[in-house]
Protein backbone atom coordinates (compact mmCIF):
# COMPACT_ATOMS: atom_id res chain seq x y z
CA GLU A 1 -32.75 34.76 -32.88
CA ALA A 2 -29.49 34.50 -34.79
CA LEU A 3 -29.70 30.74 -35.26
CA GLU A 4 -32.82 30.00 -37.22
CA ARG A 5 -34.15 26.65 -36.08
CA SER A 6 -36.68 25.11 -38.42
CA GLY A 7 -36.40 21.50 -37.27
CA ALA A 8 -37.32 20.34 -33.82
CA GLU A 9 -36.13 16.75 -34.38
CA SER A 10 -32.53 17.39 -33.34
CA SER A 11 -30.39 20.07 -31.77
CA CYS A 12 -28.97 21.01 -35.18
CA PRO A 13 -31.08 23.48 -37.13
CA SER A 14 -32.41 22.70 -40.58
CA GLY A 15 -32.58 25.37 -43.24
CA ASP A 16 -30.60 28.58 -43.24
CA VAL A 17 -28.19 29.43 -40.43
CA PHE A 18 -27.19 33.01 -39.62
CA LEU A 19 -24.20 33.58 -37.35
CA ALA A 20 -24.01 37.29 -36.51
CA ASN A 21 -21.30 37.43 -33.84
CA GLN A 22 -18.68 35.32 -32.07
CA ASP A 23 -21.21 34.14 -29.48
CA ASP A 24 -23.38 32.72 -32.30
CA VAL A 25 -20.35 30.95 -33.84
CA ASP A 26 -19.44 29.47 -30.46
CA ALA A 27 -23.02 28.34 -29.74
CA PHE A 28 -23.50 26.75 -33.16
CA GLY A 29 -20.11 25.06 -32.89
CA ALA A 30 -21.06 23.60 -29.51
CA LEU A 31 -23.92 21.75 -31.22
CA GLY A 32 -21.39 19.68 -33.18
CA CYS A 33 -23.41 19.89 -36.39
CA THR A 34 -21.82 18.41 -39.49
CA THR A 35 -24.33 19.67 -42.09
CA VAL A 36 -26.18 22.88 -42.81
CA THR A 37 -29.16 21.94 -44.99
CA GLY A 38 -29.66 25.50 -46.26
CA ASN A 39 -27.46 28.54 -46.58
CA LEU A 40 -24.79 29.48 -44.03
CA TYR A 41 -24.20 33.17 -43.48
CA ILE A 42 -21.40 34.28 -41.18
CA ASP A 43 -21.81 38.05 -41.08
CA ASP A 44 -20.92 40.29 -38.15
CA THR A 45 -21.75 43.59 -39.89
CA GLY A 46 -23.11 45.86 -37.18
CA SER A 47 -22.87 43.15 -34.51
CA SER A 48 -20.74 42.60 -31.46
CA PRO A 49 -18.64 40.78 -30.39
CA LYS A 50 -17.00 40.63 -33.82
CA ILE A 51 -16.23 37.22 -35.29
CA THR A 52 -12.54 36.45 -34.90
CA ASP A 53 -12.43 32.65 -34.61
CA LEU A 54 -14.10 29.94 -36.70
CA THR A 55 -12.47 26.96 -34.95
CA PRO A 56 -15.75 26.14 -33.15
CA LEU A 57 -17.09 25.12 -36.59
CA SER A 58 -14.48 22.36 -37.03
CA SER A 59 -17.13 19.58 -37.12
CA LEU A 60 -18.87 21.17 -40.11
CA THR A 61 -18.40 19.14 -43.31
CA THR A 62 -21.27 20.18 -45.59
CA VAL A 63 -23.17 23.33 -46.51
CA GLU A 64 -25.92 22.44 -48.97
CA GLY A 65 -26.66 26.03 -49.99
CA ILE A 66 -24.76 29.30 -50.22
CA PHE A 67 -21.83 29.79 -47.86
CA ARG A 68 -20.84 33.41 -47.24
CA VAL A 69 -18.43 34.92 -44.74
CA THR A 70 -18.39 38.66 -44.05
CA ALA A 71 -16.32 39.27 -40.95
CA SER A 72 -13.92 42.21 -40.97
CA GLN A 73 -11.83 41.07 -38.00
CA LEU A 74 -11.49 37.43 -39.05
CA GLY A 75 -7.81 36.73 -39.62
CA SER A 76 -8.02 33.07 -40.58
CA LEU A 77 -10.38 30.43 -41.94
CA ALA A 78 -8.94 27.89 -39.51
CA GLY A 79 -11.77 25.70 -38.32
CA LEU A 80 -13.21 25.13 -41.78
CA SER A 81 -10.70 22.49 -42.84
CA SER A 82 -13.30 19.69 -42.54
CA LEU A 83 -15.68 21.51 -44.89
CA SER A 84 -15.76 19.53 -48.13
CA THR A 85 -19.11 20.36 -49.74
């Protein structure tokens, strides 16, 4: 499962989050999470559909761990403007 869900208390996962394709980005964005308590990896290497749009992540304000984006077809970081930490 691309979204690793360690916490059952809420719909937002705790710990590391791996988004491997656009469907994962869209699904995580639909949760409306503001914080990732671990690392956030956005990496579509070898996956499909390729990540082209990060606007579903517009509610995200904090990543408490490492934040890494590896998406060859991503043309913009639009959607991450609320990210402050």
